[in-house]
C-alpha atoms as a PDB file:
ATOM      1  CA  MET A   1     -40.066  60.583 197.963  1.00  0.00           C
ATOM      2  CA  LYS A   2     -36.629  59.343 196.945  1.00  0.00           C
ATOM      3  CA  PHE A   3     -36.004  57.627 193.625  1.00  0.00           C
ATOM      4  CA  LYS A   4     -34.662  54.085 193.754  1.00  0.00           C
ATOM      5  CA  LYS A   5     -31.707  55.406 191.748  1.00  0.00           C
ATOM      6  CA  ALA A   6     -30.656  58.975 190.931  1.00  0.00           C
ATOM      7  CA  ILE A   7     -31.591  60.124 187.407  1.00  0.00           C
ATOM      8  CA  LEU A   8     -29.528  62.519 185.273  1.00  0.00           C
ATOM      9  CA  LEU A   9     -31.405  65.659 184.264  1.00  0.00           C
ATOM     10  CA  LYS A  10     -30.857  65.011 180.547  1.00  0.00           C
ATOM     11  CA  ASP A  11     -32.222  61.470 180.878  1.00  0.00           C
ATOM     12  CA  LEU A  12     -35.170  62.674 182.911  1.00  0.00           C
ATOM     13  CA  ALA A  13     -36.011  65.327 180.307  1.00  0.00           C
ATOM     14  CA  ASN A  14     -35.772  62.773 177.524  1.00  0.00           C
ATOM     15  CA  HIS A  15     -37.924  60.276 179.411  1.00  0.00           C
ATOM     16  CA  LEU A  16     -40.629  62.879 180.111  1.00  0.00           C
ATOM     17  CA  GLN A  17     -40.300  64.343 176.604  1.00  0.00           C
ATOM     18  CA  CYS A  18     -39.594  67.806 178.007  1.00  0.00           C
ATOM     19  CA  GLU A  19     -37.126  70.457 176.941  1.00  0.00           C
ATOM     20  CA  PHE A  20     -34.810  71.573 179.720  1.00  0.00           C
ATOM     21  CA  ASP A  21     -32.542  74.401 180.803  1.00  0.00           C
ATOM     22  CA  GLY A  22     -29.733  73.440 183.184  1.00  0.00           C
ATOM     23  CA  ASP A  23     -26.857  71.069 183.796  1.00  0.00           C
ATOM     24  CA  PRO A  24     -27.465  67.864 181.774  1.00  0.00           C
ATOM     25  CA  GLY A  25     -25.392  65.863 184.259  1.00  0.00           C
ATOM     26  CA  LEU A  26     -27.269  66.976 187.380  1.00  0.00           C
ATOM     27  CA  GLU A  27     -28.334  63.978 189.460  1.00  0.00           C
ATOM     28  CA  VAL A  28     -31.995  64.174 190.454  1.00  0.00           C
ATOM     29  CA  THR A  29     -32.504  62.136 193.627  1.00  0.00           C
ATOM     30  CA  GLY A  30     -36.244  62.324 194.244  1.00  0.00           C
ATOM     31  CA  LEU A  31     -39.434  64.354 194.061  1.00  0.00           C
ATOM     32  CA  ASN A  32     -41.616  66.300 196.479  1.00  0.00           C
ATOM     33  CA  GLU A  33     -44.199  69.052 196.705  1.00  0.00           C
ATOM     34  CA  ILE A  34     -43.077  72.652 197.103  1.00  0.00           C
ATOM     35  CA  HIS A  35     -43.592  72.820 200.882  1.00  0.00           C
ATOM     36  CA  VAL A  36     -41.367  69.793 201.647  1.00  0.00           C
ATOM     37  CA  VAL A  37     -38.987  69.518 198.676  1.00  0.00           C
ATOM     38  CA  GLN A  38     -35.230  69.275 199.333  1.00  0.00           C
ATOM     39  CA  PRO A  39     -32.084  70.048 197.296  1.00  0.00           C
ATOM     40  CA  GLY A  40     -31.488  67.408 194.648  1.00  0.00           C
ATOM     41  CA  GLU A  41     -35.219  66.811 194.209  1.00  0.00           C
ATOM     42  CA  ILE A  42     -37.763  67.875 191.604  1.00  0.00           C
ATOM     43  CA  THR A  43     -41.085  69.645 192.087  1.00  0.00           C
ATOM     44  CA  PHE A  44     -43.659  71.171 189.744  1.00  0.00           C
ATOM     45  CA  VAL A  45     -45.671  74.348 189.276  1.00  0.00           C
ATOM     46  CA  ASP A  46     -48.507  74.994 186.840  1.00  0.00           C
ATOM     47  CA  HIS A  47     -50.077  78.262 188.022  1.00  0.00           C
ATOM     48  CA  PRO A  48     -48.576  81.779 187.909  1.00  0.00           C
ATOM     49  CA  LYS A  49     -49.722  82.347 191.501  1.00  0.00           C
ATOM     50  CA  TYR A  50     -47.088  79.837 192.688  1.00  0.00           C
ATOM     51  CA  TYR A  51     -44.238  80.539 190.240  1.00  0.00           C
ATOM     52  CA  SER A  52     -42.325  82.673 192.726  1.00  0.00           C
ATOM     53  CA  LYS A  53     -42.682  80.124 195.522  1.00  0.00           C
ATOM     54  CA  ALA A  54     -41.574  77.248 193.288  1.00  0.00           C
ATOM     55  CA  LEU A  55     -38.556  79.107 191.923  1.00  0.00           C
ATOM     56  CA  SER A  56     -37.370  80.097 195.411  1.00  0.00           C
ATOM     57  CA  CYS A  57     -37.969  76.740 197.140  1.00  0.00           C
ATOM     58  CA  PRO A  58     -35.088  74.292 197.848  1.00  0.00           C
ATOM     59  CA  ALA A  59     -35.850  72.125 194.785  1.00  0.00           C
ATOM     60  CA  SER A  60     -33.005  71.682 192.313  1.00  0.00           C
ATOM     61  CA  VAL A  61     -35.387  71.040 189.398  1.00  0.00           C
ATOM     62  CA  VAL A  62     -38.780  72.593 188.650  1.00  0.00           C
ATOM     63  CA  ILE A  63     -41.214  71.363 186.007  1.00  0.00           C
ATOM     64  CA  ILE A  64     -42.971  74.505 184.760  1.00  0.00           C
ATOM     65  CA  ASN A  65     -45.493  75.345 182.051  1.00  0.00           C
ATOM     66  CA  GLN A  66     -44.003  78.678 181.009  1.00  0.00           C
ATOM     67  CA  ARG A  67     -40.660  79.500 179.451  1.00  0.00           C
ATOM     68  CA  ILE A  68     -38.823  81.826 181.809  1.00  0.00           C
ATOM     69  CA  GLU A  69     -35.248  82.817 182.476  1.00  0.00           C
ATOM     70  CA  ARG A  70     -33.614  80.240 184.725  1.00  0.00           C
ATOM     71  CA  PRO A  71     -32.834  81.532 188.248  1.00  0.00           C
ATOM     72  CA  GLY A  72     -29.405  80.793 189.693  1.00  0.00           C
ATOM     73  CA  GLY A  73     -29.134  77.337 191.220  1.00  0.00           C
ATOM     74  CA  LYS A  74     -32.305  76.090 189.518  1.00  0.00           C
ATOM     75  CA  HIS A  75     -32.802  73.695 186.598  1.00  0.00           C
ATOM     76  CA  LEU A  76     -36.022  73.826 184.586  1.00  0.00           C
ATOM     77  CA  LEU A  77     -38.101  71.326 182.628  1.00  0.00           C
ATOM     78  CA  PHE A  78     -40.645  72.877 180.258  1.00  0.00           C
ATOM     79  CA  CYS A  79     -43.972  71.240 179.361  1.00  0.00           C
ATOM     80  CA  ASP A  80     -47.634  72.162 178.924  1.00  0.00           C
ATOM     81  CA  ASP A  81     -48.894  69.973 181.779  1.00  0.00           C
ATOM     82  CA  PRO A  82     -46.442  69.736 184.735  1.00  0.00           C
ATOM     83  CA  PHE A  83     -49.065  68.014 186.887  1.00  0.00           C
ATOM     84  CA  SER A  84     -49.227  65.015 184.544  1.00  0.00           C
ATOM     85  CA  LYS A  85     -45.433  64.722 184.249  1.00  0.00           C
ATOM     86  CA  PHE A  86     -45.035  64.847 188.036  1.00  0.00           C
ATOM     87  CA  LYS A  87     -47.797  62.268 188.429  1.00  0.00           C
ATOM     88  CA  GLN A  88     -46.031  60.041 185.892  1.00  0.00           C
ATOM     89  CA  LEU A  89     -42.817  60.158 187.928  1.00  0.00           C
ATOM     90  CA  ILE A  90     -44.661  59.142 191.092  1.00  0.00           C
ATOM     91  CA  GLU A  91     -46.385  56.211 189.435  1.00  0.00           C
ATOM     92  CA  GLU A  92     -43.141  54.970 187.859  1.00  0.00           C
ATOM     93  CA  ASN A  93     -41.022  55.265 190.991  1.00  0.00           C
ATOM     94  CA  SER A  94     -43.395  54.293 193.797  1.00  0.00           C
ATOM     95  CA  PHE A  95     -42.320  51.150 195.656  1.00  0.00           C
ATOM     96  CA  PHE A  96     -45.778  50.645 197.123  1.00  0.00           C
ATOM     97  CA  MET A  97     -47.526  47.433 196.115  1.00  0.00           C
ATOM     98  CA  PRO A  98     -50.822  46.058 197.419  1.00  0.00           C
ATOM     99  CA  ALA A  99     -50.538  43.458 200.160  1.00  0.00           C
ATOM    100  CA  ILE A 100     -52.104  40.063 199.601  1.00  0.00           C
ATOM    101  CA  HIS A 101     -52.357  38.712 203.155  1.00  0.00           C
ATOM    102  CA  PRO A 102     -53.954  40.389 206.213  1.00  0.00           C
ATOM    103  CA  VAL A 103     -50.446  40.851 207.609  1.00  0.00           C
ATOM    104  CA  SER A 104     -47.895  41.304 204.839  1.00  0.00           C
ATOM    105  CA  ASP A 105     -44.742  39.201 204.804  1.00  0.00           C
ATOM    106  CA  SER A 106     -42.730  42.400 204.418  1.00  0.00           C
ATOM    107  CA  ALA A 107     -44.226  44.002 207.561  1.00  0.00           C
ATOM    108  CA  GLN A 108     -41.999  44.259 210.633  1.00  0.00           C
ATOM    109  CA  ILE A 109     -43.755  43.683 213.971  1.00  0.00           C
ATOM    110  CA  GLY A 110     -41.897  44.442 217.223  1.00  0.00           C
ATOM    111  CA  THR A 111     -41.652  42.477 220.454  1.00  0.00           C
ATOM    112  CA  ASN A 112     -44.852  42.020 222.501  1.00  0.00           C
ATOM    113  CA  SER A 113     -46.993  43.792 219.901  1.00  0.00           C
ATOM    114  CA  LEU A 114     -50.481  42.366 219.417  1.00  0.00           C
ATOM    115  CA  ILE A 115     -52.315  42.400 216.078  1.00  0.00           C
ATOM    116  CA  MET A 116     -55.985  41.554 216.758  1.00  0.00           C
ATOM    117  CA  PRO A 117     -58.085  39.404 214.386  1.00  0.00           C
ATOM    118  CA  GLY A 118     -59.451  41.269 211.381  1.00  0.00           C
ATOM    119  CA  ALA A 119     -56.689  43.882 211.299  1.00  0.00           C
ATOM    120  CA  PHE A 120     -54.886  44.532 208.001  1.00  0.00           C
ATOM    121  CA  VAL A 121     -51.171  45.375 207.911  1.00  0.00           C
ATOM    122  CA  GLY A 122     -49.808  46.296 204.480  1.00  0.00           C
ATOM    123  CA  GLU A 123     -46.491  46.081 202.666  1.00  0.00           C
ATOM    124  CA  HIS A 124     -43.378  47.533 204.317  1.00  0.00           C
ATOM    125  CA  VAL A 125     -45.253  48.553 207.491  1.00  0.00           C
ATOM    126  CA  LYS A 126     -43.112  48.871 210.618  1.00  0.00           C
ATOM    127  CA  ILE A 127     -44.722  48.448 214.053  1.00  0.00           C
ATOM    128  CA  GLY A 128     -42.617  48.893 217.182  1.00  0.00           C
ATOM    129  CA  ASN A 129     -42.647  47.122 220.530  1.00  0.00           C
ATOM    130  CA  ASN A 130     -45.597  46.768 222.949  1.00  0.00           C
ATOM    131  CA  CYS A 131     -48.228  48.004 220.498  1.00  0.00           C
ATOM    132  CA  ILE A 132     -51.898  46.980 220.343  1.00  0.00           C
ATOM    133  CA  ILE A 133     -53.687  47.050 216.977  1.00  0.00           C
ATOM    134  CA  HIS A 134     -57.384  46.358 217.622  1.00  0.00           C
ATOM    135  CA  PRO A 135     -59.797  44.476 215.311  1.00  0.00           C
ATOM    136  CA  ASN A 136     -60.584  45.861 211.856  1.00  0.00           C
ATOM    137  CA  VAL A 137     -57.812  48.453 211.873  1.00  0.00           C
ATOM    138  CA  SER A 138     -56.346  48.984 208.381  1.00  0.00           C
ATOM    139  CA  ILE A 139     -52.715  50.052 208.162  1.00  0.00           C
ATOM    140  CA  TYR A 140     -51.720  50.859 204.599  1.00  0.00           C
ATOM    141  CA  GLN A 141     -48.329  50.272 203.016  1.00  0.00           C
ATOM    142  CA  GLY A 142     -45.264  52.145 204.191  1.00  0.00           C
ATOM    143  CA  THR A 143     -46.709  53.240 207.557  1.00  0.00           C
ATOM    144  CA  GLU A 144     -44.207  53.461 210.412  1.00  0.00           C
ATOM    145  CA  ILE A 145     -45.414  53.076 214.018  1.00  0.00           C
ATOM    146  CA  GLY A 146     -43.252  53.515 217.123  1.00  0.00           C
ATOM    147  CA  ASP A 147     -43.334  51.763 220.506  1.00  0.00           C
ATOM    148  CA  ASN A 148     -46.263  51.610 222.968  1.00  0.00           C
ATOM    149  CA  VAL A 149     -48.857  52.690 220.403  1.00  0.00           C
ATOM    150  CA  THR A 150     -52.539  51.724 220.657  1.00  0.00           C
ATOM    151  CA  ILE A 151     -54.886  51.967 217.667  1.00  0.00           C
ATOM    152  CA  HIS A 152     -58.564  51.224 218.253  1.00  0.00           C
ATOM    153  CA  SER A 153     -61.043  49.402 216.038  1.00  0.00           C
ATOM    154  CA  ASN A 154     -62.061  50.539 212.548  1.00  0.00           C
ATOM    155  CA  THR A 155     -59.361  53.176 212.236  1.00  0.00           C
ATOM    156  CA  THR A 156     -57.628  53.548 208.870  1.00  0.00           C
ATOM    157  CA  ILE A 157     -53.998  54.652 208.736  1.00  0.00           C
ATOM    158  CA  GLY A 158     -52.405  55.677 205.446  1.00  0.00           C
ATOM    159  CA  SER A 159     -55.355  56.085 203.091  1.00  0.00           C
ATOM    160  CA  ASP A 160     -54.819  58.224 199.990  1.00  0.00           C
ATOM    161  CA  ALA A 161     -54.641  61.999 200.211  1.00  0.00           C
ATOM    162  CA  PHE A 162     -57.680  63.986 199.090  1.00  0.00           C
ATOM    163  CA  TYR A 163     -55.697  65.769 196.392  1.00  0.00           C
ATOM    164  CA  VAL A 164     -57.071  66.396 192.902  1.00  0.00           C
ATOM    165  CA  LYS A 165     -56.555  68.736 189.977  1.00  0.00           C
ATOM    166  CA  ARG A 166     -59.440  70.357 188.155  1.00  0.00           C
ATOM    167  CA  ARG A 167     -59.548  69.524 184.465  1.00  0.00           C
ATOM    168  CA  PRO A 168     -62.084  71.101 182.085  1.00  0.00           C
ATOM    169  CA  ASP A 169     -64.540  68.188 182.425  1.00  0.00           C
ATOM    170  CA  PHE A 170     -63.373  66.202 185.445  1.00  0.00           C
ATOM    171  CA  TYR A 171     -61.147  66.036 188.540  1.00  0.00           C
ATOM    172  CA  GLU A 172     -57.892  64.120 188.121  1.00  0.00           C
ATOM    173  CA  LYS A 173     -56.654  62.333 191.228  1.00  0.00           C
ATOM    174  CA  PHE A 174     -53.031  62.833 192.232  1.00  0.00           C
ATOM    175  CA  PRO A 175     -51.309  59.623 193.396  1.00  0.00           C
ATOM    176  CA  SER A 176     -50.198  59.458 197.029  1.00  0.00           C
ATOM    177  CA  CYS A 177     -46.717  58.078 197.624  1.00  0.00           C
ATOM    178  CA  GLY A 178     -45.969  59.479 201.086  1.00  0.00           C
ATOM    179  CA  ARG A 179     -46.295  57.705 204.435  1.00  0.00           C
ATOM    180  CA  VAL A 180     -47.836  58.034 207.865  1.00  0.00           C
ATOM    181  CA  VAL A 181     -45.347  58.110 210.750  1.00  0.00           C
ATOM    182  CA  ILE A 182     -46.725  57.567 214.265  1.00  0.00           C
ATOM    183  CA  GLU A 183     -44.193  58.159 217.023  1.00  0.00           C
ATOM    184  CA  ASN A 184     -43.932  56.472 220.457  1.00  0.00           C
ATOM    185  CA  ASP A 185     -46.698  56.427 223.109  1.00  0.00           C
ATOM    186  CA  VAL A 186     -49.500  57.566 220.796  1.00  0.00           C
ATOM    187  CA  GLU A 187     -53.114  56.410 221.222  1.00  0.00           C
ATOM    188  CA  ILE A 188     -55.607  56.710 218.372  1.00  0.00           C
ATOM    189  CA  GLY A 189     -59.318  56.168 218.989  1.00  0.00           C
ATOM    190  CA  ALA A 190     -61.901  54.180 217.039  1.00  0.00           C
ATOM    191  CA  GLY A 191     -63.109  55.178 213.601  1.00  0.00           C
ATOM    192  CA  CYS A 192     -60.317  57.643 212.824  1.00  0.00           C
ATOM    193  CA  THR A 193     -58.838  58.275 209.374  1.00  0.00           C
ATOM    194  CA  ILE A 194     -55.278  59.467 208.859  1.00  0.00           C
ATOM    195  CA  ASP A 195     -54.224  60.135 205.254  1.00  0.00           C
ATOM    196  CA  ARG A 196     -50.676  59.553 204.095  1.00  0.00           C
ATOM    197  CA  GLY A 197     -48.652  62.356 202.590  1.00  0.00           C
ATOM    198  CA  VAL A 198     -48.762  63.111 198.906  1.00  0.00           C
ATOM    199  CA  THR A 199     -44.980  62.930 198.532  1.00  0.00           C
ATOM    200  CA  SER A 200     -43.750  63.215 202.139  1.00  0.00           C
ATOM    201  CA  ASP A 201     -45.018  62.125 205.581  1.00  0.00           C
ATOM    202  CA  THR A 202     -48.062  62.735 207.730  1.00  0.00           C
ATOM    203  CA  VAL A 203     -46.710  62.684 211.301  1.00  0.00           C
ATOM    204  CA  ILE A 204     -48.339  62.095 214.701  1.00  0.00           C
ATOM    205  CA  GLY A 205     -45.917  63.195 217.435  1.00  0.00           C
ATOM    206  CA  ALA A 206     -44.887  61.217 220.518  1.00  0.00           C
ATOM    207  CA  GLY A 207     -47.387  61.079 223.378  1.00  0.00           C
ATOM    208  CA  THR A 208     -50.290  62.532 221.403  1.00  0.00           C
ATOM    209  CA  LYS A 209     -53.774  61.197 222.213  1.00  0.00           C
ATOM    210  CA  ILE A 210     -56.511  61.231 219.575  1.00  0.00           C
ATOM    211  CA  ASP A 211     -60.179  60.537 220.381  1.00  0.00           C
ATOM    212  CA  ASN A 212     -62.704  58.703 218.183  1.00  0.00           C
ATOM    213  CA  GLN A 213     -63.815  59.814 214.698  1.00  0.00           C
ATOM    214  CA  VAL A 214     -60.996  62.259 213.988  1.00  0.00           C
ATOM    215  CA  HIS A 215     -59.720  62.947 210.476  1.00  0.00           C
ATOM    216  CA  VAL A 216     -56.130  64.030 209.781  1.00  0.00           C
ATOM    217  CA  GLY A 217     -55.378  65.212 206.244  1.00  0.00           C
ATOM    218  CA  HIS A 218     -52.306  64.562 204.124  1.00  0.00           C
ATOM    219  CA  ASP A 219     -48.872  65.967 205.025  1.00  0.00           C
ATOM    220  CA  THR A 220     -50.149  67.296 208.358  1.00  0.00           C
ATOM    221  CA  ILE A 221     -47.636  67.262 211.197  1.00  0.00           C
ATOM    222  CA  ILE A 222     -49.025  66.971 214.726  1.00  0.00           C
ATOM    223  CA  GLY A 223     -46.530  67.690 217.501  1.00  0.00           C
ATOM    224  CA  LYS A 224     -45.793  65.918 220.753  1.00  0.00           C
ATOM    225  CA  HIS A 225     -48.289  65.460 223.605  1.00  0.00           C
ATOM    226  CA  CYS A 226     -51.283  66.988 221.844  1.00  0.00           C
ATOM    227  CA  ILE A 227     -54.890  66.218 222.800  1.00  0.00           C
ATOM    228  CA  ILE A 228     -57.477  65.978 219.998  1.00  0.00           C
ATOM    229  CA  ALA A 229     -61.115  65.288 220.919  1.00  0.00           C
ATOM    230  CA  ALA A 230     -63.812  63.514 218.914  1.00  0.00           C
ATOM    231  CA  GLN A 231     -65.034  64.622 215.478  1.00  0.00           C
ATOM    232  CA  VAL A 232     -62.194  67.049 214.792  1.00  0.00           C
ATOM    233  CA  GLY A 233     -61.399  67.531 211.097  1.00  0.00           C
ATOM    234  CA  ILE A 234     -57.874  68.616 210.161  1.00  0.00           C
ATOM    235  CA  SER A 235     -57.121  69.487 206.544  1.00  0.00           C
ATOM    236  CA  GLY A 236     -53.906  68.780 204.665  1.00  0.00           C
ATOM    237  CA  VAL A 237     -50.531  70.444 205.229  1.00  0.00           C
ATOM    238  CA  VAL A 238     -51.385  71.707 208.736  1.00  0.00           C
ATOM    239  CA  ARG A 239     -48.629  72.138 211.336  1.00  0.00           C
ATOM    240  CA  ILE A 240     -49.802  71.605 214.918  1.00  0.00           C
ATOM    241  CA  GLU A 241     -47.043  72.299 217.418  1.00  0.00           C
ATOM    242  CA  ASP A 242     -46.445  70.561 220.776  1.00  0.00           C
ATOM    243  CA  TYR A 243     -48.962  70.468 223.672  1.00  0.00           C
ATOM    244  CA  VAL A 244     -51.912  71.787 221.664  1.00  0.00           C
ATOM    245  CA  LYS A 245     -55.446  70.904 222.836  1.00  0.00           C
ATOM    246  CA  ILE A 246     -58.239  70.703 220.260  1.00  0.00           C
ATOM    247  CA  TRP A 247     -61.730  69.991 221.582  1.00  0.00           C
ATOM    248  CA  GLY A 248     -64.702  68.355 219.870  1.00  0.00           C
ATOM    249  CA  GLN A 249     -65.962  69.169 216.363  1.00  0.00           C
ATOM    250  CA  VAL A 250     -63.273  71.721 215.555  1.00  0.00           C
ATOM    251  CA  GLY A 251     -62.603  72.204 211.830  1.00  0.00           C
ATOM    252  CA  ILE A 252     -59.149  73.340 210.685  1.00  0.00           C
ATOM    253  CA  ASP A 253     -58.451  74.713 207.207  1.00  0.00           C
ATOM    254  CA  ARG A 254     -55.434  73.645 205.145  1.00  0.00           C
ATOM    255  CA  ASP A 255     -51.887  74.966 205.093  1.00  0.00           C
ATOM    256  CA  LEU A 256     -51.737  76.781 208.437  1.00  0.00           C
ATOM    257  CA  THR A 257     -49.981  76.530 211.813  1.00  0.00           C
ATOM    258  CA  ILE A 258     -51.375  76.117 215.332  1.00  0.00           C
ATOM    259  CA  GLY A 259     -48.798  77.367 217.836  1.00  0.00           C
ATOM    260  CA  ARG A 260     -47.432  75.496 220.847  1.00  0.00           C
ATOM    261  CA  GLU A 261     -49.829  75.111 223.814  1.00  0.00           C
ATOM    262  CA  ALA A 262     -52.759  76.684 221.992  1.00  0.00           C
ATOM    263  CA  VAL A 263     -56.254  75.579 223.088  1.00  0.00           C
ATOM    264  CA  ILE A 264     -59.130  75.510 220.585  1.00  0.00           C
ATOM    265  CA  LEU A 265     -62.565  75.198 222.162  1.00  0.00           C
ATOM    266  CA  ALA A 266     -65.324  72.951 220.796  1.00  0.00           C
ATOM    267  CA  LYS A 267     -67.135  73.695 217.525  1.00  0.00           C
ATOM    268  CA  SER A 268     -64.609  76.331 216.447  1.00  0.00           C
ATOM    269  CA  GLY A 269     -63.640  76.897 212.816  1.00  0.00           C
ATOM    270  CA  VAL A 270     -59.962  77.695 212.233  1.00  0.00           C
ATOM    271  CA  SER A 271     -59.362  79.567 208.975  1.00  0.00           C
ATOM    272  CA  LYS A 272     -55.918  81.076 209.661  1.00  0.00           C
ATOM    273  CA  SER A 273     -52.790  80.326 211.682  1.00  0.00           C
ATOM    274  CA  LEU A 274     -53.081  80.789 215.462  1.00  0.00           C
ATOM    275  CA  GLU A 275     -50.412  81.889 217.929  1.00  0.00           C
ATOM    276  CA  GLY A 276     -49.394  79.524 220.693  1.00  0.00           C
ATOM    277  CA  GLY A 277     -50.214  79.874 224.385  1.00  0.00           C
ATOM    278  CA  LYS A 278     -53.721  81.259 223.831  1.00  0.00           C
ATOM    279  CA  THR A 279     -57.282  79.922 223.940  1.00  0.00           C
ATOM    280  CA  TYR A 280     -59.534  80.298 220.896  1.00  0.00           C
ATOM    281  CA  PHE A 281     -63.246  79.967 220.169  1.00  0.00           C
ATOM    282  CA  GLY A 282     -65.734  80.669 217.417  1.00  0.00           C
ATOM    283  CA  SER A 283     -65.863  80.566 213.623  1.00  0.00           C
ATOM    284  CA  PRO A 284     -63.625  82.032 212.472  1.00  0.00           C
ATOM    285  CA  ALA A 285     -61.701  81.235 215.658  1.00  0.00           C
ATOM    286  CA  THR A 286     -60.469  84.223 217.664  1.00  0.00           C
ATOM    287  CA  GLU A 287     -59.152  84.566 221.200  1.00  0.00           C
ATOM    288  CA  SER A 288     -61.862  83.180 223.463  1.00  0.00           C
ATOM    289  CA  LYS A 289     -62.291  86.292 225.634  1.00  0.00           C
ATOM    290  CA  GLU A 290     -62.908  88.446 222.582  1.00  0.00           C
ATOM    291  CA  SER A 291     -65.162  85.838 220.988  1.00  0.00           C
ATOM    292  CA  MET A 292     -67.233  85.371 224.165  1.00  0.00           C
ATOM    293  CA  LYS A 293     -67.529  89.141 224.556  1.00  0.00           C
ATOM    294  CA  ASN A 294     -68.790  89.534 220.994  1.00  0.00           C
ATOM    295  CA  HIS A 295     -71.220  86.679 221.524  1.00  0.00           C
ATOM    296  CA  PHE A 296     -72.527  88.345 224.704  1.00  0.00           C
ATOM    297  CA  LEU A 297     -72.879  91.734 222.998  1.00  0.00           C
ATOM    298  CA  THR A 298     -74.762  90.166 220.096  1.00  0.00           C
ATOM    299  CA  ARG A 299     -77.246  88.608 222.519  1.00  0.00           C
ATOM    300  CA  ARG A 300     -77.655  91.916 224.369  1.00  0.00           C
ATOM    301  CA  LEU A 301     -78.184  93.741 221.073  1.00  0.00           C
ATOM    302  CA  GLN A 302     -81.016  91.382 220.203  1.00  0.00           C
ATOM    303  CA  GLU A 303     -82.572  91.990 223.633  1.00  0.00           C
ATOM    304  CA  ILE A 304     -82.384  95.754 223.066  1.00  0.00           C
ATOM    305  CA  LEU A 305     -83.976  95.443 219.621  1.00  0.00           C
ATOM    306  CA  ASP A 306     -86.796  93.342 221.080  1.00  0.00           C
ATOM    307  CA  ARG A 307     -87.444  95.997 223.753  1.00  0.00           C
ATOM    308  CA  LEU A 308     -87.509  98.749 221.109  1.00  0.00           C
ATOM    309  CA  ASP A 309     -90.033  96.758 219.086  1.00  0.00           C
ATOM    310  CA  LYS A 310     -92.281  96.372 222.154  1.00  0.00           C
ATOM    311  CA  LEU A 311     -91.954 100.107 222.936  1.00  0.00           C
ATOM    312  CA  GLU A 312     -92.975 101.044 219.383  1.00  0.00           C
ATOM    313  CA  ASP A 313     -95.942  98.666 219.601  1.00  0.00           C
ATOM    314  CA  ASN A 314     -97.098 100.264 222.880  1.00  0.00           C
ATOM    315  CA  GLN A 315     -96.769 103.805 221.472  1.00  0.00           C
ATOM    316  CA  SER A 316     -98.798 102.903 218.423  1.00  0.00           C
END
């Protein structure tokens, strides 16, 4: 997320009521999470487990809850609750505003694109040429859709990320200021939900086809020409490379990568990154040949145990 106008580090520290260590005249251009942050931007860290990752990421500024020696090339803001300060920056700098009309005046609709009755198109949405948006589709603010895209009824594009922080007595929701970007020639089935990024983009690559009742979590990037069958659940910050096939009712854990041309068979549970060019099955998902073999051996073992039980009964 880029700021509307760059902010000097000293002014940012004063505004957030934080002490800082770094160049007072540094221009801070935006904010992002650790996994997508760029030079000139600010991120935050509030747990020792992620200190090293935050201090080595591309961010120019890090809001941190512990006083440490400043690494070279980094600028630090010190406060007790970095999460709240980062959340404050998002809320103050977000350009997203709720739309009033079913199709916002600020939305851009391309040539020969059809918006069916009952569809909602929010502020600053861009829809390319030759698209079909079926009835009761909701497209939240900031979404960008390419050419030749079809979205079927009751699908929601750009809903908030499922992203919260545990407080002693409650869960605090983190605001979502990212977008959803859908590239050319994509088709999305009925009843799907695609969350926008927390601070960056959720992306559906060109030519990808998504079946009904699929969920795509925040900041996930799906490559080109992927096939995703019904009732698949994809968590946040997942990278799915090109030409991947994911069959029905697969569940994919957060923050992992599915390699190019991988195939994941139905009802599998993916708990770690998978190499491309292979077929996977089971929960946790492993290469299908190995998984099928283990499944076969387990069945044979049960048969053997049943025979042993019968033999003991006969001997007694």
